[in-house]
């Protein structure tokens, strides 16, 4: 199991091709493309999801973070899952499914920051920065890095998202 912290920020992106160009200009390394299906379960604290990646691998992720449009700290626990369909059935029976988020994610790595270019059917295109942190000093540096990336990617304040994809999907289906 992996436990960790990161500082993250999410925003709408108006032009994925332009975002790819900016990532390349920064020297970000392309890490690949993933088709992800996140099944969120009702949790009494934080958020719990089963992530299936390219239909080949899966991980159970619990995380907790504030919903605000600025860069924010997220604390998480992550564990690989050998039999995701069985686990999904058990968790759905025990906790109930809250929502399912499907996305196509392009992943880039710039320094200690993962840059995600996400396409969500029916919702649009998004960009997410996740800076891995180990200490309070790292957290302060991560906030500065994300502020720098917001400027480099020319993200206007109105495009910053205070909510997760989970909330966006729930809002779109209600």
C-alpha atoms as a PDB file:
ATOM      1  CA  UNK A   1       0.000   0.000   0.000  1.00  0.00           C
ATOM      2  CA  UNK A   2       1.165   3.516  -0.791  1.00  0.00           C
ATOM      3  CA  UNK A   3       0.444   6.455   1.502  1.00  0.00           C
ATOM      4  CA  UNK A   4       1.217   9.950   0.368  1.00  0.00           C
ATOM      5  CA  UNK A   5       0.443  13.611   0.042  1.00  0.00           C
ATOM      6  CA  UNK A   6       0.242  15.862  -2.936  1.00  0.00           C
ATOM      7  CA  UNK A   7      -0.823  19.378  -3.776  1.00  0.00           C
ATOM      8  CA  UNK A   8      -3.221  19.480  -6.677  1.00  0.00           C
ATOM      9  CA  UNK A   9      -5.165  21.851  -8.851  1.00  0.00           C
ATOM     10  CA  UNK A  10      -7.797  21.221 -11.500  1.00  0.00           C
ATOM     11  CA  UNK A  11      -9.040  23.517 -14.293  1.00  0.00           C
ATOM     12  CA  UNK A  12     -11.049  23.497 -17.476  1.00  0.00           C
ATOM     13  CA  UNK A  13      -8.829  23.563 -20.549  1.00  0.00           C
ATOM     14  CA  UNK A  14     -10.007  25.268 -23.702  1.00  0.00           C
ATOM     15  CA  UNK A  15      -7.482  23.769 -26.116  1.00  0.00           C
ATOM     16  CA  UNK A  16      -5.872  20.373 -25.460  1.00  0.00           C
ATOM     17  CA  UNK A  17      -3.477  20.718 -28.401  1.00  0.00           C
ATOM     18  CA  UNK A  18      -2.177  24.009 -26.985  1.00  0.00           C
ATOM     19  CA  UNK A  19      -1.820  22.431 -23.519  1.00  0.00           C
ATOM     20  CA  UNK A  20       0.227  19.596 -25.068  1.00  0.00           C
ATOM     21  CA  UNK A  21       2.489  22.167 -26.751  1.00  0.00           C
ATOM     22  CA  UNK A  22       3.033  24.017 -23.478  1.00  0.00           C
ATOM     23  CA  UNK A  23       3.884  20.760 -21.686  1.00  0.00           C
ATOM     24  CA  UNK A  24       6.424  19.981 -24.421  1.00  0.00           C
ATOM     25  CA  UNK A  25       7.939  23.478 -24.203  1.00  0.00           C
ATOM     26  CA  UNK A  26       8.370  23.001 -20.448  1.00  0.00           C
ATOM     27  CA  UNK A  27      10.281  19.803 -21.147  1.00  0.00           C
ATOM     28  CA  UNK A  28       7.619  17.645 -19.503  1.00  0.00           C
ATOM     29  CA  UNK A  29       8.068  13.966 -20.289  1.00  0.00           C
ATOM     30  CA  UNK A  30       5.113  12.161 -21.873  1.00  0.00           C
ATOM     31  CA  UNK A  31       4.241   9.159 -19.688  1.00  0.00           C
ATOM     32  CA  UNK A  32       1.362   7.686 -21.650  1.00  0.00           C
ATOM     33  CA  UNK A  33      -2.358   7.556 -22.253  1.00  0.00           C
ATOM     34  CA  UNK A  34      -4.821   5.846 -19.929  1.00  0.00           C
ATOM     35  CA  UNK A  35      -8.508   5.062 -20.177  1.00  0.00           C
ATOM     36  CA  UNK A  36      -9.662   5.284 -16.568  1.00  0.00           C
ATOM     37  CA  UNK A  37     -12.940   4.286 -14.951  1.00  0.00           C
ATOM     38  CA  UNK A  38     -13.316   5.516 -11.369  1.00  0.00           C
ATOM     39  CA  UNK A  39     -16.171   3.998  -9.356  1.00  0.00           C
ATOM     40  CA  UNK A  40     -16.854   6.135  -6.269  1.00  0.00           C
ATOM     41  CA  UNK A  41     -18.394   4.544  -3.201  1.00  0.00           C
ATOM     42  CA  UNK A  42     -20.197   6.271  -0.358  1.00  0.00           C
ATOM     43  CA  UNK A  43     -17.696   6.943   2.421  1.00  0.00           C
ATOM     44  CA  UNK A  44     -18.245   8.452   5.856  1.00  0.00           C
ATOM     45  CA  UNK A  45     -15.024  10.452   5.532  1.00  0.00           C
ATOM     46  CA  UNK A  46     -13.018  11.497   2.491  1.00  0.00           C
ATOM     47  CA  UNK A  47     -13.539   9.789  -0.860  1.00  0.00           C
ATOM     48  CA  UNK A  48     -13.172   6.150  -1.830  1.00  0.00           C
ATOM     49  CA  UNK A  49     -12.794   5.009  -5.426  1.00  0.00           C
ATOM     50  CA  UNK A  50     -11.854   1.937  -7.372  1.00  0.00           C
ATOM     51  CA  UNK A  51      -9.801   2.997 -10.394  1.00  0.00           C
ATOM     52  CA  UNK A  52      -9.612   0.637 -13.361  1.00  0.00           C
ATOM     53  CA  UNK A  53      -6.904   1.532 -15.879  1.00  0.00           C
ATOM     54  CA  UNK A  54      -7.034   0.417 -19.512  1.00  0.00           C
ATOM     55  CA  UNK A  55      -9.116  -2.562 -18.394  1.00  0.00           C
ATOM     56  CA  UNK A  56      -5.863  -4.222 -17.268  1.00  0.00           C
ATOM     57  CA  UNK A  57      -5.016  -3.016 -13.781  1.00  0.00           C
ATOM     58  CA  UNK A  58      -6.840  -1.514 -10.836  1.00  0.00           C
ATOM     59  CA  UNK A  59      -6.231   0.251  -7.549  1.00  0.00           C
ATOM     60  CA  UNK A  60      -8.335   1.224  -4.564  1.00  0.00           C
ATOM     61  CA  UNK A  61      -7.766   4.840  -3.546  1.00  0.00           C
ATOM     62  CA  UNK A  62      -9.001   6.662  -0.458  1.00  0.00           C
ATOM     63  CA  UNK A  63      -8.255  10.377  -0.283  1.00  0.00           C
ATOM     64  CA  UNK A  64      -9.238  13.498   1.603  1.00  0.00           C
ATOM     65  CA  UNK A  65      -8.956  17.086   0.422  1.00  0.00           C
ATOM     66  CA  UNK A  66     -10.828  20.374   0.535  1.00  0.00           C
ATOM     67  CA  UNK A  67     -13.056  21.517  -2.315  1.00  0.00           C
ATOM     68  CA  UNK A  68     -11.720  24.919  -3.344  1.00  0.00           C
ATOM     69  CA  UNK A  69     -10.510  26.449  -6.615  1.00  0.00           C
ATOM     70  CA  UNK A  70      -6.930  26.986  -5.409  1.00  0.00           C
ATOM     71  CA  UNK A  71      -4.133  24.473  -5.134  1.00  0.00           C
ATOM     72  CA  UNK A  72      -4.982  22.186  -2.238  1.00  0.00           C
ATOM     73  CA  UNK A  73      -3.373  19.407  -0.240  1.00  0.00           C
ATOM     74  CA  UNK A  74      -4.637  15.875  -0.705  1.00  0.00           C
ATOM     75  CA  UNK A  75      -3.763  12.979   1.603  1.00  0.00           C
ATOM     76  CA  UNK A  76      -4.243   9.520   0.109  1.00  0.00           C
ATOM     77  CA  UNK A  77      -3.862   5.770   0.548  1.00  0.00           C
ATOM     78  CA  UNK A  78      -3.550   3.632  -2.561  1.00  0.00           C
ATOM     79  CA  UNK A  79      -3.520  -0.168  -2.896  1.00  0.00           C
ATOM     80  CA  UNK A  80      -3.297  -2.413  -5.969  1.00  0.00           C
ATOM     81  CA  UNK A  81      -6.332  -4.625  -6.584  1.00  0.00           C
ATOM     82  CA  UNK A  82      -6.017  -8.082  -8.144  1.00  0.00           C
ATOM     83  CA  UNK A  83      -9.731  -8.722  -8.718  1.00  0.00           C
ATOM     84  CA  UNK A  84     -11.481  -5.370  -9.295  1.00  0.00           C
ATOM     85  CA  UNK A  85     -14.886  -6.725 -10.339  1.00  0.00           C
ATOM     86  CA  UNK A  86     -15.227  -8.779  -7.150  1.00  0.00           C
ATOM     87  CA  UNK A  87     -14.102  -5.850  -4.997  1.00  0.00           C
ATOM     88  CA  UNK A  88     -16.503  -3.522  -6.812  1.00  0.00           C
ATOM     89  CA  UNK A  89     -19.400  -5.902  -6.110  1.00  0.00           C
ATOM     90  CA  UNK A  90     -18.490  -6.156  -2.413  1.00  0.00           C
ATOM     91  CA  UNK A  91     -18.014  -2.399  -1.931  1.00  0.00           C
ATOM     92  CA  UNK A  92     -21.209  -1.609  -3.850  1.00  0.00           C
ATOM     93  CA  UNK A  93     -23.158  -3.976  -1.582  1.00  0.00           C
ATOM     94  CA  UNK A  94     -21.547  -2.656   1.612  1.00  0.00           C
ATOM     95  CA  UNK A  95     -21.333   1.075   0.887  1.00  0.00           C
ATOM     96  CA  UNK A  96     -23.305   1.810  -2.274  1.00  0.00           C
ATOM     97  CA  UNK A  97     -22.017   3.339  -5.499  1.00  0.00           C
ATOM     98  CA  UNK A  98     -22.066   7.119  -5.537  1.00  0.00           C
ATOM     99  CA  UNK A  99     -21.077   7.723  -9.159  1.00  0.00           C
ATOM    100  CA  UNK A 100     -18.821   6.514 -11.975  1.00  0.00           C
ATOM    101  CA  UNK A 101     -16.338   8.789 -13.767  1.00  0.00           C
ATOM    102  CA  UNK A 102     -14.892   7.785 -17.141  1.00  0.00           C
ATOM    103  CA  UNK A 103     -11.958   9.682 -18.562  1.00  0.00           C
ATOM    104  CA  UNK A 104      -9.217   9.564 -21.133  1.00  0.00           C
ATOM    105  CA  UNK A 105      -6.031  10.800 -19.450  1.00  0.00           C
ATOM    106  CA  UNK A 106      -2.758  11.880 -21.035  1.00  0.00           C
ATOM    107  CA  UNK A 107       0.006  11.954 -18.433  1.00  0.00           C
ATOM    108  CA  UNK A 108       3.113  14.148 -18.467  1.00  0.00           C
ATOM    109  CA  UNK A 109       5.800  14.510 -15.797  1.00  0.00           C
ATOM    110  CA  UNK A 110       7.473  17.859 -15.099  1.00  0.00           C
ATOM    111  CA  UNK A 111       9.893  17.799 -12.160  1.00  0.00           C
ATOM    112  CA  UNK A 112       7.804  16.269  -9.336  1.00  0.00           C
ATOM    113  CA  UNK A 113       4.499  17.345 -10.919  1.00  0.00           C
ATOM    114  CA  UNK A 114       2.189  15.069 -12.860  1.00  0.00           C
ATOM    115  CA  UNK A 115       0.322  16.987 -15.544  1.00  0.00           C
ATOM    116  CA  UNK A 116      -2.927  15.308 -16.579  1.00  0.00           C
ATOM    117  CA  UNK A 117      -4.841  16.282 -19.708  1.00  0.00           C
ATOM    118  CA  UNK A 118      -8.263  14.742 -19.206  1.00  0.00           C
ATOM    119  CA  UNK A 119     -11.211  14.270 -21.550  1.00  0.00           C
ATOM    120  CA  UNK A 120     -14.523  13.431 -19.873  1.00  0.00           C
ATOM    121  CA  UNK A 121     -17.394  12.436 -22.175  1.00  0.00           C
ATOM    122  CA  UNK A 122     -20.195  14.991 -21.990  1.00  0.00           C
ATOM    123  CA  UNK A 123     -18.277  17.264 -19.608  1.00  0.00           C
ATOM    124  CA  UNK A 124     -15.345  18.566 -21.619  1.00  0.00           C
ATOM    125  CA  UNK A 125     -11.590  18.835 -21.321  1.00  0.00           C
ATOM    126  CA  UNK A 126      -9.637  19.449 -18.152  1.00  0.00           C
ATOM    127  CA  UNK A 127      -6.108  19.856 -16.877  1.00  0.00           C
ATOM    128  CA  UNK A 128      -4.882  18.677 -13.492  1.00  0.00           C
ATOM    129  CA  UNK A 129      -1.565  19.264 -11.750  1.00  0.00           C
ATOM    130  CA  UNK A 130      -0.456  16.927  -8.937  1.00  0.00           C
ATOM    131  CA  UNK A 131       2.780  17.771  -7.120  1.00  0.00           C
ATOM    132  CA  UNK A 132       4.118  15.024  -4.847  1.00  0.00           C
ATOM    133  CA  UNK A 133       5.180  16.298  -1.410  1.00  0.00           C
ATOM    134  CA  UNK A 134       7.106  14.708   1.460  1.00  0.00           C
ATOM    135  CA  UNK A 135       7.339  17.581   3.972  1.00  0.00           C
ATOM    136  CA  UNK A 136       5.930  21.008   4.842  1.00  0.00           C
ATOM    137  CA  UNK A 137       8.800  22.568   2.881  1.00  0.00           C
ATOM    138  CA  UNK A 138       7.878  20.439  -0.136  1.00  0.00           C
ATOM    139  CA  UNK A 139       4.256  21.519   0.258  1.00  0.00           C
ATOM    140  CA  UNK A 140       5.220  25.199   0.167  1.00  0.00           C
ATOM    141  CA  UNK A 141       7.410  24.608  -2.903  1.00  0.00           C
ATOM    142  CA  UNK A 142       4.587  22.642  -4.563  1.00  0.00           C
ATOM    143  CA  UNK A 143       2.179  25.562  -4.162  1.00  0.00           C
ATOM    144  CA  UNK A 144       4.770  27.791  -5.860  1.00  0.00           C
ATOM    145  CA  UNK A 145       5.256  25.255  -8.679  1.00  0.00           C
ATOM    146  CA  UNK A 146       1.518  25.029  -9.341  1.00  0.00           C
ATOM    147  CA  UNK A 147       1.183  28.829  -9.337  1.00  0.00           C
ATOM    148  CA  UNK A 148       3.981  28.901 -11.927  1.00  0.00           C
ATOM    149  CA  UNK A 149       2.208  26.254 -14.043  1.00  0.00           C
ATOM    150  CA  UNK A 150      -1.092  28.159 -13.882  1.00  0.00           C
ATOM    151  CA  UNK A 151       0.752  31.129 -15.403  1.00  0.00           C
ATOM    152  CA  UNK A 152       2.591  29.039 -18.013  1.00  0.00           C
ATOM    153  CA  UNK A 153      -0.628  27.336 -19.124  1.00  0.00           C
ATOM    154  CA  UNK A 154      -2.438  30.732 -19.113  1.00  0.00           C
ATOM    155  CA  UNK A 155      -5.299  29.443 -16.945  1.00  0.00           C
ATOM    156  CA  UNK A 156      -7.780  32.222 -16.119  1.00  0.00           C
ATOM    157  CA  UNK A 157      -9.206  32.222 -12.561  1.00  0.00           C
ATOM    158  CA  UNK A 158     -12.720  31.403 -13.806  1.00  0.00           C
ATOM    159  CA  UNK A 159     -11.430  28.100 -15.260  1.00  0.00           C
ATOM    160  CA  UNK A 160     -10.091  26.837 -11.913  1.00  0.00           C
ATOM    161  CA  UNK A 161     -12.348  24.126 -10.472  1.00  0.00           C
ATOM    162  CA  UNK A 162     -13.251  23.869  -6.798  1.00  0.00           C
ATOM    163  CA  UNK A 163     -14.867  20.448  -7.304  1.00  0.00           C
ATOM    164  CA  UNK A 164     -13.737  17.010  -8.339  1.00  0.00           C
ATOM    165  CA  UNK A 165     -14.820  15.085 -11.424  1.00  0.00           C
ATOM    166  CA  UNK A 166     -17.058  13.096  -9.084  1.00  0.00           C
ATOM    167  CA  UNK A 167     -19.100  16.222  -8.299  1.00  0.00           C
ATOM    168  CA  UNK A 168     -19.147  17.349 -11.944  1.00  0.00           C
ATOM    169  CA  UNK A 169     -20.542  13.986 -13.061  1.00  0.00           C
ATOM    170  CA  UNK A 170     -23.119  13.955 -10.257  1.00  0.00           C
ATOM    171  CA  UNK A 171     -24.244  17.496 -11.166  1.00  0.00           C
ATOM    172  CA  UNK A 172     -24.549  16.603 -14.851  1.00  0.00           C
ATOM    173  CA  UNK A 173     -26.740  13.562 -14.160  1.00  0.00           C
ATOM    174  CA  UNK A 174     -29.069  15.140 -11.595  1.00  0.00           C
END
